[in-house]
Amino acid sequence: MAEKIKTQIEFLVALQDLDLMLKEIEEVKALGFEVNSEGEATLTRARKELVQTIKKQLLSNYERLRSRYKRAIVPVKEDTCLGCFMRVPTSITAQGRTDVEVLSCENCGRILYWLN
C-alpha cells in the first residue's frame, strides 16, 4: 500500500504543533520548573528537519504570521476561519477542500486548512 504523500499544509501544521510545544517548555521553565533537556533537544531537532521540507516562501509567511498570532495556521469549520471567525468566501472554500494549494484568510491573513 502506498504511503500518503504529505502536503505542504500538513508540514506547516506539524511545524506549528512543534513550535507550540517548544513555547510551552519555555513557559514552564519561566515558572521555575525543570524540563527534560533531552526532550527539548528532540523537539528542536525535529523542527529543524521539518523546516527543510517546507518551501521557503511558505516558511517565511508562516514565521511572519507566527510573530503576530499564537496560531498562524487555523482550520476552517462550516466555511468559517477559526482564527478570526469570519466567513470564508465560497471560491476559497472550494479550492481549499482540494488541499492542492496553501490558502490564506482574506480577513486575518492566517494560513487555512480544511479538516477531513
PDB file of N, CA and C in Angstrom:
ATOM      1  N   MET A   1       0.851  -1.192   0.000  1.00  0.00           N
ATOM      2  CA  MET A   1       0.000   0.000   0.000  1.00  0.00           C
ATOM      3  C   MET A   1       0.887   1.241   0.000  1.00  0.00           C
ATOM      4  N   ALA A   2       0.612   2.173  -0.872  1.00  0.00           N
ATOM      5  CA  ALA A   2       1.433   3.385  -0.994  1.00  0.00           C
ATOM      6  C   ALA A   2       1.194   4.303   0.196  1.00  0.00           C
ATOM      7  N   GLU A   3       2.274   4.900   0.682  1.00  0.00           N
ATOM      8  CA  GLU A   3       2.181   5.849   1.777  1.00  0.00           C
ATOM      9  C   GLU A   3       1.638   7.174   1.236  1.00  0.00           C
ATOM     10  N   LYS A   4       0.769   7.798   1.994  1.00  0.00           N
ATOM     11  CA  LYS A   4       0.190   9.076   1.575  1.00  0.00           C
ATOM     12  C   LYS A   4       1.292  10.142   1.515  1.00  0.00           C
ATOM     13  N   ILE A   5       1.316  10.875   0.431  1.00  0.00           N
ATOM     14  CA  ILE A   5       2.286  11.954   0.282  1.00  0.00           C
ATOM     15  C   ILE A   5       1.817  13.132   1.120  1.00  0.00           C
ATOM     16  N   LYS A   6       2.697  13.618   1.951  1.00  0.00           N
ATOM     17  CA  LYS A   6       2.353  14.747   2.810  1.00  0.00           C
ATOM     18  C   LYS A   6       2.367  16.042   2.004  1.00  0.00           C
ATOM     19  N   THR A   7       1.394  16.883   2.266  1.00  0.00           N
ATOM     20  CA  THR A   7       1.307  18.164   1.575  1.00  0.00           C
ATOM     21  C   THR A   7       2.000  19.245   2.399  1.00  0.00           C
ATOM     22  N   GLN A   8       2.259  20.367   1.776  1.00  0.00           N
ATOM     23  CA  GLN A   8       2.894  21.488   2.466  1.00  0.00           C
ATOM     24  C   GLN A   8       2.065  21.927   3.673  1.00  0.00           C
ATOM     25  N   ILE A   9       0.748  21.897   3.551  1.00  0.00           N
ATOM     26  CA  ILE A   9      -0.089  22.326   4.675  1.00  0.00           C
ATOM     27  C   ILE A   9       0.067  21.370   5.853  1.00  0.00           C
ATOM     28  N   GLU A  10       0.218  20.075   5.588  1.00  0.00           N
ATOM     29  CA  GLU A  10       0.423  19.118   6.677  1.00  0.00           C
ATOM     30  C   GLU A  10       1.758  19.371   7.368  1.00  0.00           C
ATOM     31  N   PHE A  11       2.775  19.715   6.586  1.00  0.00           N
ATOM     32  CA  PHE A  11       4.072  20.059   7.171  1.00  0.00           C
ATOM     33  C   PHE A  11       3.960  21.317   8.028  1.00  0.00           C
ATOM     34  N   LEU A  12       3.219  22.311   7.542  1.00  0.00           N
ATOM     35  CA  LEU A  12       3.055  23.555   8.292  1.00  0.00           C
ATOM     36  C   LEU A  12       2.299  23.331   9.603  1.00  0.00           C
ATOM     37  N   VAL A  13       1.262  22.512   9.568  1.00  0.00           N
ATOM     38  CA  VAL A  13       0.504  22.211  10.788  1.00  0.00           C
ATOM     39  C   VAL A  13       1.413  21.495  11.792  1.00  0.00           C
ATOM     40  N   ALA A  14       2.221  20.551  11.313  1.00  0.00           N
ATOM     41  CA  ALA A  14       3.153  19.853  12.200  1.00  0.00           C
ATOM     42  C   ALA A  14       4.178  20.818  12.782  1.00  0.00           C
ATOM     43  N   LEU A  15       4.648  21.752  11.969  1.00  0.00           N
ATOM     44  CA  LEU A  15       5.610  22.749  12.440  1.00  0.00           C
ATOM     45  C   LEU A  15       4.981  23.626  13.519  1.00  0.00           C
ATOM     46  N   GLN A  16       3.747  24.041  13.301  1.00  0.00           N
ATOM     47  CA  GLN A  16       3.061  24.847  14.311  1.00  0.00           C
ATOM     48  C   GLN A  16       2.924  24.077  15.620  1.00  0.00           C
ATOM     49  N   ASP A  17       2.595  22.790  15.536  1.00  0.00           N
ATOM     50  CA  ASP A  17       2.480  21.968  16.744  1.00  0.00           C
ATOM     51  C   ASP A  17       3.813  21.909  17.495  1.00  0.00           C
ATOM     52  N   LEU A  18       4.906  21.711  16.766  1.00  0.00           N
ATOM     53  CA  LEU A  18       6.226  21.688  17.399  1.00  0.00           C
ATOM     54  C   LEU A  18       6.544  23.033  18.046  1.00  0.00           C
ATOM     55  N   ASP A  19       6.255  24.119  17.342  1.00  0.00           N
ATOM     56  CA  ASP A  19       6.520  25.453  17.883  1.00  0.00           C
ATOM     57  C   ASP A  19       5.719  25.707  19.160  1.00  0.00           C
ATOM     58  N   LEU A  20       4.473  25.260  19.189  1.00  0.00           N
ATOM     59  CA  LEU A  20       3.649  25.439  20.383  1.00  0.00           C
ATOM     60  C   LEU A  20       4.190  24.620  21.550  1.00  0.00           C
ATOM     61  N   MET A  21       4.674  23.402  21.281  1.00  0.00           N
ATOM     62  CA  MET A  21       5.263  22.585  22.344  1.00  0.00           C
ATOM     63  C   MET A  21       6.542  23.228  22.885  1.00  0.00           C
ATOM     64  N   LEU A  22       7.375  23.749  21.986  1.00  0.00           N
ATOM     65  CA  LEU A  22       8.609  24.408  22.418  1.00  0.00           C
ATOM     66  C   LEU A  22       8.301  25.667  23.231  1.00  0.00           C
ATOM     67  N   LYS A  23       7.256  26.391  22.852  1.00  0.00           N
ATOM     68  CA  LYS A  23       6.865  27.587  23.607  1.00  0.00           C
ATOM     69  C   LYS A  23       6.368  27.208  24.998  1.00  0.00           C
ATOM     70  N   GLU A  24       5.617  26.108  25.082  1.00  0.00           N
ATOM     71  CA  GLU A  24       5.137  25.648  26.384  1.00  0.00           C
ATOM     72  C   GLU A  24       6.306  25.274  27.293  1.00  0.00           C
ATOM     73  N   ILE A  25       7.335  24.671  26.720  1.00  0.00           N
ATOM     74  CA  ILE A  25       8.530  24.323  27.504  1.00  0.00           C
ATOM     75  C   ILE A  25       9.154  25.588  28.077  1.00  0.00           C
ATOM     76  N   GLU A  26       9.263  26.632  27.264  1.00  0.00           N
ATOM     77  CA  GLU A  26       9.833  27.906  27.731  1.00  0.00           C
ATOM     78  C   GLU A  26       8.984  28.512  28.849  1.00  0.00           C
ATOM     79  N   GLU A  27       7.666  28.407  28.730  1.00  0.00           N
ATOM     80  CA  GLU A  27       6.776  28.935  29.761  1.00  0.00           C
ATOM     81  C   GLU A  27       6.927  28.164  31.070  1.00  0.00           C
ATOM     82  N   VAL A  28       7.083  26.852  30.979  1.00  0.00           N
ATOM     83  CA  VAL A  28       7.282  26.026  32.171  1.00  0.00           C
ATOM     84  C   VAL A  28       8.608  26.378  32.838  1.00  0.00           C
ATOM     85  N   LYS A  29       9.655  26.572  32.039  1.00  0.00           N
ATOM     86  CA  LYS A  29      10.961  26.981  32.572  1.00  0.00           C
ATOM     87  C   LYS A  29      10.852  28.333  33.275  1.00  0.00           C
ATOM     88  N   ALA A  30      10.094  29.256  32.681  1.00  0.00           N
ATOM     89  CA  ALA A  30       9.943  30.590  33.262  1.00  0.00           C
ATOM     90  C   ALA A  30       9.266  30.537  34.633  1.00  0.00           C
ATOM     91  N   LEU A  31       8.479  29.500  34.861  1.00  0.00           N
ATOM     92  CA  LEU A  31       7.827  29.319  36.162  1.00  0.00           C
ATOM     93  C   LEU A  31       8.766  28.705  37.194  1.00  0.00           C
ATOM     94  N   GLY A  32       9.960  28.326  36.755  1.00  0.00           N
ATOM     95  CA  GLY A  32      10.953  27.784  37.682  1.00  0.00           C
ATOM     96  C   GLY A  32      11.012  26.269  37.752  1.00  0.00           C
ATOM     97  N   PHE A  33      10.320  25.586  36.869  1.00  0.00           N
ATOM     98  CA  PHE A  33      10.342  24.130  36.866  1.00  0.00           C
ATOM     99  C   PHE A  33      11.468  23.615  35.978  1.00  0.00           C
ATOM    100  N   GLU A  34      11.965  22.447  36.315  1.00  0.00           N
ATOM    101  CA  GLU A  34      12.982  21.813  35.477  1.00  0.00           C
ATOM    102  C   GLU A  34      12.299  21.101  34.322  1.00  0.00           C
ATOM    103  N   VAL A  35      12.976  21.107  33.186  1.00  0.00           N
ATOM    104  CA  VAL A  35      12.452  20.461  31.985  1.00  0.00           C
ATOM    105  C   VAL A  35      13.502  19.487  31.472  1.00  0.00           C
ATOM    106  N   ASN A  36      13.043  18.342  31.004  1.00  0.00           N
ATOM    107  CA  ASN A  36      13.945  17.349  30.430  1.00  0.00           C
ATOM    108  C   ASN A  36      14.599  17.945  29.181  1.00  0.00           C
ATOM    109  N   SER A  37      15.881  18.232  29.264  1.00  0.00           N
ATOM    110  CA  SER A  37      16.569  18.878  28.143  1.00  0.00           C
ATOM    111  C   SER A  37      16.666  17.957  26.929  1.00  0.00           C
ATOM    112  N   GLU A  38      16.648  16.647  27.158  1.00  0.00           N
ATOM    113  CA  GLU A  38      16.694  15.693  26.045  1.00  0.00           C
ATOM    114  C   GLU A  38      15.421  15.791  25.202  1.00  0.00           C
ATOM    115  N   GLY A  39      14.283  15.930  25.865  1.00  0.00           N
ATOM    116  CA  GLY A  39      13.012  16.078  25.162  1.00  0.00           C
ATOM    117  C   GLY A  39      12.966  17.372  24.365  1.00  0.00           C
ATOM    118  N   GLU A  40      13.469  18.436  24.972  1.00  0.00           N
ATOM    119  CA  GLU A  40      13.506  19.719  24.277  1.00  0.00           C
ATOM    120  C   GLU A  40      14.429  19.650  23.063  1.00  0.00           C
ATOM    121  N   ALA A  41      15.564  18.978  23.214  1.00  0.00           N
ATOM    122  CA  ALA A  41      16.512  18.830  22.103  1.00  0.00           C
ATOM    123  C   ALA A  41      15.895  18.016  20.966  1.00  0.00           C
ATOM    124  N   THR A  42      15.122  16.998  21.312  1.00  0.00           N
ATOM    125  CA  THR A  42      14.457  16.176  20.305  1.00  0.00           C
ATOM    126  C   THR A  42      13.448  17.013  19.517  1.00  0.00           C
ATOM    127  N   LEU A  43      12.676  17.839  20.216  1.00  0.00           N
ATOM    128  CA  LEU A  43      11.705  18.706  19.541  1.00  0.00           C
ATOM    129  C   LEU A  43      12.404  19.717  18.640  1.00  0.00           C
ATOM    130  N   THR A  44      13.500  20.291  19.116  1.00  0.00           N
ATOM    131  CA  THR A  44      14.249  21.270  18.329  1.00  0.00           C
ATOM    132  C   THR A  44      14.828  20.622  17.081  1.00  0.00           C
ATOM    133  N   ARG A  45      15.353  19.424  17.229  1.00  0.00           N
ATOM    134  CA  ARG A  45      15.918  18.687  16.087  1.00  0.00           C
ATOM    135  C   ARG A  45      14.814  18.356  15.072  1.00  0.00           C
ATOM    136  N   ALA A  46      13.669  17.918  15.560  1.00  0.00           N
ATOM    137  CA  ALA A  46      12.538  17.595  14.677  1.00  0.00           C
ATOM    138  C   ALA A  46      12.082  18.842  13.927  1.00  0.00           C
ATOM    139  N   ARG A  47      12.089  19.999  14.604  1.00  0.00           N
ATOM    140  CA  ARG A  47      11.696  21.246  13.950  1.00  0.00           C
ATOM    141  C   ARG A  47      12.662  21.588  12.816  1.00  0.00           C
ATOM    142  N   LYS A  48      13.964  21.452  13.082  1.00  0.00           N
ATOM    143  CA  LYS A  48      14.970  21.762  12.049  1.00  0.00           C
ATOM    144  C   LYS A  48      14.802  20.861  10.834  1.00  0.00           C
ATOM    145  N   GLU A  49      14.516  19.586  11.054  1.00  0.00           N
ATOM    146  CA  GLU A  49      14.318  18.649   9.945  1.00  0.00           C
ATOM    147  C   GLU A  49      13.049  18.992   9.162  1.00  0.00           C
ATOM    148  N   LEU A  50      12.000  19.345   9.881  1.00  0.00           N
ATOM    149  CA  LEU A  50      10.726  19.668   9.239  1.00  0.00           C
ATOM    150  C   LEU A  50      10.829  20.940   8.400  1.00  0.00           C
ATOM    151  N   VAL A  51      11.559  21.914   8.886  1.00  0.00           N
ATOM    152  CA  VAL A  51      11.737  23.180   8.159  1.00  0.00           C
ATOM    153  C   VAL A  51      12.342  22.932   6.779  1.00  0.00           C
ATOM    154  N   GLN A  52      13.192  21.913   6.660  1.00  0.00           N
ATOM    155  CA  GLN A  52      13.831  21.594   5.383  1.00  0.00           C
ATOM    156  C   GLN A  52      12.837  21.129   4.326  1.00  0.00           C
ATOM    157  N   THR A  53      11.673  20.646   4.740  1.00  0.00           N
ATOM    158  CA  THR A  53      10.690  20.112   3.798  1.00  0.00           C
ATOM    159  C   THR A  53       9.672  21.158   3.332  1.00  0.00           C
ATOM    160  N   ILE A  54       9.715  22.348   3.932  1.00  0.00           N
ATOM    161  CA  ILE A  54       8.729  23.388   3.626  1.00  0.00           C
ATOM    162  C   ILE A  54       9.335  24.414   2.668  1.00  0.00           C
ATOM    163  N   LYS A  55       8.550  24.802   1.677  1.00  0.00           N
ATOM    164  CA  LYS A  55       9.012  25.802   0.713  1.00  0.00           C
ATOM    165  C   LYS A  55       9.360  27.092   1.440  1.00  0.00           C
ATOM    166  N   LYS A  56      10.426  27.744   1.006  1.00  0.00           N
ATOM    167  CA  LYS A  56      10.947  28.934   1.694  1.00  0.00           C
ATOM    168  C   LYS A  56       9.912  30.057   1.799  1.00  0.00           C
ATOM    169  N   GLN A  57       9.159  30.297   0.735  1.00  0.00           N
ATOM    170  CA  GLN A  57       8.159  31.363   0.759  1.00  0.00           C
ATOM    171  C   GLN A  57       7.074  31.066   1.807  1.00  0.00           C
ATOM    172  N   LEU A  58       6.623  29.822   1.862  1.00  0.00           N
ATOM    173  CA  LEU A  58       5.615  29.442   2.858  1.00  0.00           C
ATOM    174  C   LEU A  58       6.168  29.569   4.268  1.00  0.00           C
ATOM    175  N   LEU A  59       7.422  29.159   4.432  1.00  0.00           N
ATOM    176  CA  LEU A  59       8.049  29.223   5.745  1.00  0.00           C
ATOM    177  C   LEU A  59       8.168  30.669   6.220  1.00  0.00           C
ATOM    178  N   SER A  60       8.575  31.568   5.335  1.00  0.00           N
ATOM    179  CA  SER A  60       8.709  32.969   5.752  1.00  0.00           C
ATOM    180  C   SER A  60       7.338  33.579   6.059  1.00  0.00           C
ATOM    181  N   ASN A  61       6.314  33.205   5.299  1.00  0.00           N
ATOM    182  CA  ASN A  61       4.953  33.662   5.579  1.00  0.00           C
ATOM    183  C   ASN A  61       4.494  33.132   6.935  1.00  0.00           C
ATOM    184  N   TYR A  62       4.767  31.867   7.209  1.00  0.00           N
ATOM    185  CA  TYR A  62       4.406  31.256   8.498  1.00  0.00           C
ATOM    186  C   TYR A  62       5.102  31.986   9.651  1.00  0.00           C
ATOM    187  N   GLU A  63       6.401  32.232   9.507  1.00  0.00           N
ATOM    188  CA  GLU A  63       7.165  32.892  10.577  1.00  0.00           C
ATOM    189  C   GLU A  63       6.631  34.304  10.826  1.00  0.00           C
ATOM    190  N   ARG A  64       6.269  35.004   9.770  1.00  0.00           N
ATOM    191  CA  ARG A  64       5.706  36.352   9.914  1.00  0.00           C
ATOM    192  C   ARG A  64       4.376  36.295  10.665  1.00  0.00           C
ATOM    193  N   LEU A  65       3.521  35.355  10.288  1.00  0.00           N
ATOM    194  CA  LEU A  65       2.222  35.209  10.955  1.00  0.00           C
ATOM    195  C   LEU A  65       2.386  34.758  12.408  1.00  0.00           C
ATOM    196  N   ARG A  66       3.363  33.899  12.644  1.00  0.00           N
ATOM    197  CA  ARG A  66       3.598  33.385  13.997  1.00  0.00           C
ATOM    198  C   ARG A  66       4.031  34.499  14.948  1.00  0.00           C
ATOM    199  N   SER A  67       4.738  35.497  14.419  1.00  0.00           N
ATOM    200  CA  SER A  67       5.152  36.610  15.271  1.00  0.00           C
ATOM    201  C   SER A  67       3.947  37.494  15.640  1.00  0.00           C
ATOM    202  N   ARG A  68       2.890  37.376  14.867  1.00  0.00           N
ATOM    203  CA  ARG A  68       1.700  38.200  15.093  1.00  0.00           C
ATOM    204  C   ARG A  68       0.603  37.468  15.873  1.00  0.00           C
ATOM    205  N   TYR A  69       0.434  36.179  15.597  1.00  0.00           N
ATOM    206  CA  TYR A  69      -0.637  35.388  16.199  1.00  0.00           C
ATOM    207  C   TYR A  69      -0.064  34.175  16.931  1.00  0.00           C
ATOM    208  N   LYS A  70      -0.792  33.710  17.946  1.00  0.00           N
ATOM    209  CA  LYS A  70      -0.377  32.477  18.624  1.00  0.00           C
ATOM    210  C   LYS A  70      -0.459  31.301  17.646  1.00  0.00           C
ATOM    211  N   ARG A  71      -1.516  31.279  16.858  1.00  0.00           N
ATOM    212  CA  ARG A  71      -1.693  30.239  15.840  1.00  0.00           C
ATOM    213  C   ARG A  71      -1.709  30.889  14.466  1.00  0.00           C
ATOM    214  N   ALA A  72      -0.705  30.565  13.669  1.00  0.00           N
ATOM    215  CA  ALA A  72      -0.594  31.122  12.319  1.00  0.00           C
ATOM    216  C   ALA A  72      -1.410  30.319  11.325  1.00  0.00           C
ATOM    217  N   ILE A  73      -1.692  29.072  11.674  1.00  0.00           N
ATOM    218  CA  ILE A  73      -2.431  28.162  10.792  1.00  0.00           C
ATOM    219  C   ILE A  73      -3.673  27.712  11.545  1.00  0.00           C
ATOM    220  N   VAL A  74      -4.831  27.917  10.935  1.00  0.00           N
ATOM    221  CA  VAL A  74      -6.079  27.595  11.619  1.00  0.00           C
ATOM    222  C   VAL A  74      -7.000  26.790  10.711  1.00  0.00           C
ATOM    223  N   PRO A  75      -7.844  25.966  11.314  1.00  0.00           N
ATOM    224  CA  PRO A  75      -8.792  25.206  10.497  1.00  0.00           C
ATOM    225  C   PRO A  75      -9.984  26.053  10.063  1.00  0.00           C
ATOM    226  N   VAL A  76     -10.652  25.563   9.041  1.00  0.00           N
ATOM    227  CA  VAL A  76     -11.905  26.153   8.575  1.00  0.00           C
ATOM    228  C   VAL A  76     -13.000  25.170   8.967  1.00  0.00           C
ATOM    229  N   LYS A  77     -14.008  25.670   9.658  1.00  0.00           N
ATOM    230  CA  LYS A  77     -15.126  24.826  10.052  1.00  0.00           C
ATOM    231  C   LYS A  77     -16.413  25.514   9.632  1.00  0.00           C
ATOM    232  N   GLU A  78     -17.243  24.779   8.923  1.00  0.00           N
ATOM    233  CA  GLU A  78     -18.513  25.307   8.420  1.00  0.00           C
ATOM    234  C   GLU A  78     -18.281  26.633   7.686  1.00  0.00           C
ATOM    235  N   ASP A  79     -17.260  26.632   6.833  1.00  0.00           N
ATOM    236  CA  ASP A  79     -16.900  27.784   5.996  1.00  0.00           C
ATOM    237  C   ASP A  79     -16.517  29.025   6.798  1.00  0.00           C
ATOM    238  N   THR A  80     -16.033  28.833   8.030  1.00  0.00           N
ATOM    239  CA  THR A  80     -15.622  29.941   8.884  1.00  0.00           C
ATOM    240  C   THR A  80     -14.174  29.750   9.304  1.00  0.00           C
ATOM    241  N   CYS A  81     -13.371  30.810   9.166  1.00  0.00           N
ATOM    242  CA  CYS A  81     -11.980  30.799   9.636  1.00  0.00           C
ATOM    243  C   CYS A  81     -12.024  30.779  11.161  1.00  0.00           C
ATOM    244  N   LEU A  82     -11.385  29.795  11.780  1.00  0.00           N
ATOM    245  CA  LEU A  82     -11.405  29.715  13.235  1.00  0.00           C
ATOM    246  C   LEU A  82     -10.314  30.573  13.881  1.00  0.00           C
ATOM    247  N   GLY A  83      -9.678  31.428  13.082  1.00  0.00           N
ATOM    248  CA  GLY A  83      -8.735  32.402  13.624  1.00  0.00           C
ATOM    249  C   GLY A  83      -9.436  33.713  13.924  1.00  0.00           C
ATOM    250  N   CYS A  84     -10.222  34.195  12.961  1.00  0.00           N
ATOM    251  CA  CYS A  84     -10.904  35.486  13.126  1.00  0.00           C
ATOM    252  C   CYS A  84     -12.429  35.339  13.144  1.00  0.00           C
ATOM    253  N   PHE A  85     -12.927  34.115  12.888  1.00  0.00           N
ATOM    254  CA  PHE A  85     -14.355  33.793  12.905  1.00  0.00           C
ATOM    255  C   PHE A  85     -15.156  34.538  11.838  1.00  0.00           C
ATOM    256  N   MET A  86     -14.472  34.849  10.751  1.00  0.00           N
ATOM    257  CA  MET A  86     -15.154  35.452   9.607  1.00  0.00           C
ATOM    258  C   MET A  86     -15.438  34.353   8.585  1.00  0.00           C
ATOM    259  N   ARG A  87     -16.499  34.528   7.839  1.00  0.00           N
ATOM    260  CA  ARG A  87     -16.878  33.556   6.810  1.00  0.00           C
ATOM    261  C   ARG A  87     -15.869  33.600   5.666  1.00  0.00           C
ATOM    262  N   VAL A  88     -15.457  32.427   5.213  1.00  0.00           N
ATOM    263  CA  VAL A  88     -14.514  32.307   4.103  1.00  0.00           C
ATOM    264  C   VAL A  88     -15.317  32.280   2.800  1.00  0.00           C
ATOM    265  N   PRO A  89     -14.913  33.080   1.800  1.00  0.00           N
ATOM    266  CA  PRO A  89     -15.654  33.089   0.530  1.00  0.00           C
ATOM    267  C   PRO A  89     -15.766  31.692  -0.091  1.00  0.00           C
ATOM    268  N   THR A  90     -16.855  31.445  -0.774  1.00  0.00           N
ATOM    269  CA  THR A  90     -17.123  30.152  -1.381  1.00  0.00           C
ATOM    270  C   THR A  90     -16.019  29.738  -2.351  1.00  0.00           C
ATOM    271  N   SER A  91     -15.473  30.693  -3.092  1.00  0.00           N
ATOM    272  CA  SER A  91     -14.417  30.363  -4.058  1.00  0.00           C
ATOM    273  C   SER A  91     -13.176  29.807  -3.353  1.00  0.00           C
ATOM    274  N   ILE A  92     -12.840  30.360  -2.215  1.00  0.00           N
ATOM    275  CA  ILE A  92     -11.682  29.868  -1.455  1.00  0.00           C
ATOM    276  C   ILE A  92     -12.006  28.517  -0.823  1.00  0.00           C
ATOM    277  N   THR A  93     -13.230  28.368  -0.331  1.00  0.00           N
ATOM    278  CA  THR A  93     -13.636  27.100   0.279  1.00  0.00           C
ATOM    279  C   THR A  93     -13.535  25.957  -0.725  1.00  0.00           C
ATOM    280  N   ALA A  94     -13.987  26.192  -1.942  1.00  0.00           N
ATOM    281  CA  ALA A  94     -13.931  25.151  -2.976  1.00  0.00           C
ATOM    282  C   ALA A  94     -12.488  24.771  -3.278  1.00  0.00           C
ATOM    283  N   GLN A  95     -11.594  25.753  -3.379  1.00  0.00           N
ATOM    284  CA  GLN A  95     -10.181  25.483  -3.632  1.00  0.00           C
ATOM    285  C   GLN A  95      -9.536  24.774  -2.444  1.00  0.00           C
ATOM    286  N   GLY A  96      -9.863  25.228  -1.239  1.00  0.00           N
ATOM    287  CA  GLY A  96      -9.238  24.703  -0.030  1.00  0.00           C
ATOM    288  C   GLY A  96      -9.520  23.248   0.220  1.00  0.00           C
ATOM    289  N   ARG A  97     -10.691  22.806  -0.132  1.00  0.00           N
ATOM    290  CA  ARG A  97     -11.055  21.404   0.103  1.00  0.00           C
ATOM    291  C   ARG A  97     -10.202  20.442  -0.719  1.00  0.00           C
ATOM    292  N   THR A  98      -9.607  20.924  -1.790  1.00  0.00           N
ATOM    293  CA  THR A  98      -8.774  20.050  -2.621  1.00  0.00           C
ATOM    294  C   THR A  98      -7.403  19.827  -2.004  1.00  0.00           C
ATOM    295  N   ASP A  99      -6.964  20.718  -1.109  1.00  0.00           N
ATOM    296  CA  ASP A  99      -5.682  20.610  -0.416  1.00  0.00           C
ATOM    297  C   ASP A  99      -4.505  20.619  -1.393  1.00  0.00           C
ATOM    298  N   VAL A 100      -4.697  21.246  -2.560  1.00  0.00           N
ATOM    299  CA  VAL A 100      -3.647  21.311  -3.569  1.00  0.00           C
ATOM    300  C   VAL A 100      -2.739  22.505  -3.325  1.00  0.00           C
ATOM    301  N   GLU A 101      -3.334  23.632  -2.936  1.00  0.00           N
ATOM    302  CA  GLU A 101      -2.526  24.825  -2.689  1.00  0.00           C
ATOM    303  C   GLU A 101      -2.795  25.368  -1.295  1.00  0.00           C
ATOM    304  N   VAL A 102      -1.863  26.151  -0.794  1.00  0.00           N
ATOM    305  CA  VAL A 102      -1.993  26.744   0.527  1.00  0.00           C
ATOM    306  C   VAL A 102      -2.722  28.074   0.372  1.00  0.00           C
ATOM    307  N   LEU A 103      -3.805  28.219   1.136  1.00  0.00           N
ATOM    308  CA  LEU A 103      -4.639  29.420   1.040  1.00  0.00           C
ATOM    309  C   LEU A 103      -4.645  30.173   2.361  1.00  0.00           C
ATOM    310  N   SER A 104      -4.909  31.475   2.274  1.00  0.00           N
ATOM    311  CA  SER A 104      -4.946  32.323   3.460  1.00  0.00           C
ATOM    312  C   SER A 104      -6.310  32.970   3.598  1.00  0.00           C
ATOM    313  N   CYS A 105      -6.658  33.292   4.828  1.00  0.00           N
ATOM    314  CA  CYS A 105      -7.904  34.003   5.109  1.00  0.00           C
ATOM    315  C   CYS A 105      -7.786  35.415   4.565  1.00  0.00           C
ATOM    316  N   GLU A 106      -8.813  35.853   3.849  1.00  0.00           N
ATOM    317  CA  GLU A 106      -8.806  37.201   3.292  1.00  0.00           C
ATOM    318  C   GLU A 106      -8.917  38.269   4.370  1.00  0.00           C
ATOM    319  N   ASN A 107      -9.433  37.904   5.550  1.00  0.00           N
ATOM    320  CA  ASN A 107      -9.617  38.877   6.614  1.00  0.00           C
ATOM    321  C   ASN A 107      -8.375  38.998   7.513  1.00  0.00           C
ATOM    322  N   CYS A 108      -7.910  37.886   8.093  1.00  0.00           N
ATOM    323  CA  CYS A 108      -6.810  37.952   9.069  1.00  0.00           C
ATOM    324  C   CYS A 108      -5.459  37.552   8.484  1.00  0.00           C
ATOM    325  N   GLY A 109      -5.448  36.902   7.323  1.00  0.00           N
ATOM    326  CA  GLY A 109      -4.195  36.517   6.685  1.00  0.00           C
ATOM    327  C   GLY A 109      -3.634  35.180   7.129  1.00  0.00           C
ATOM    328  N   ARG A 110      -4.251  34.549   8.125  1.00  0.00           N
ATOM    329  CA  ARG A 110      -3.744  33.255   8.598  1.00  0.00           C
ATOM    330  C   ARG A 110      -3.862  32.205   7.498  1.00  0.00           C
ATOM    331  N   ILE A 111      -2.979  31.212   7.580  1.00  0.00           N
ATOM    332  CA  ILE A 111      -2.998  30.095   6.650  1.00  0.00           C
ATOM    333  C   ILE A 111      -4.156  29.176   7.060  1.00  0.00           C
ATOM    334  N   LEU A 112      -4.916  28.732   6.078  1.00  0.00           N
ATOM    335  CA  LEU A 112      -6.113  27.931   6.339  1.00  0.00           C
ATOM    336  C   LEU A 112      -5.908  26.468   5.959  1.00  0.00           C
ATOM    337  N   TYR A 113      -6.576  25.592   6.703  1.00  0.00           N
ATOM    338  CA  TYR A 113      -6.653  24.191   6.276  1.00  0.00           C
ATOM    339  C   TYR A 113      -8.033  23.659   6.613  1.00  0.00           C
ATOM    340  N   TRP A 114      -8.451  22.689   5.832  1.00  0.00           N
ATOM    341  CA  TRP A 114      -9.769  22.097   5.985  1.00  0.00           C
ATOM    342  C   TRP A 114      -9.626  20.742   6.629  1.00  0.00           C
ATOM    343  N   LEU A 115     -10.463  20.486   7.617  1.00  0.00           N
ATOM    344  CA  LEU A 115     -10.457  19.191   8.297  1.00  0.00           C
ATOM    345  C   LEU A 115     -11.213  18.185   7.453  1.00  0.00           C
ATOM    346  N   ASN A 116     -10.662  16.994   7.328  1.00  0.00           N
ATOM    347  CA  ASN A 116     -11.336  15.955   6.535  1.00  0.00           C
ATOM    348  C   ASN A 116     -12.181  15.077   7.407  1.00  0.00           C
TER     349      ASN A 116
END
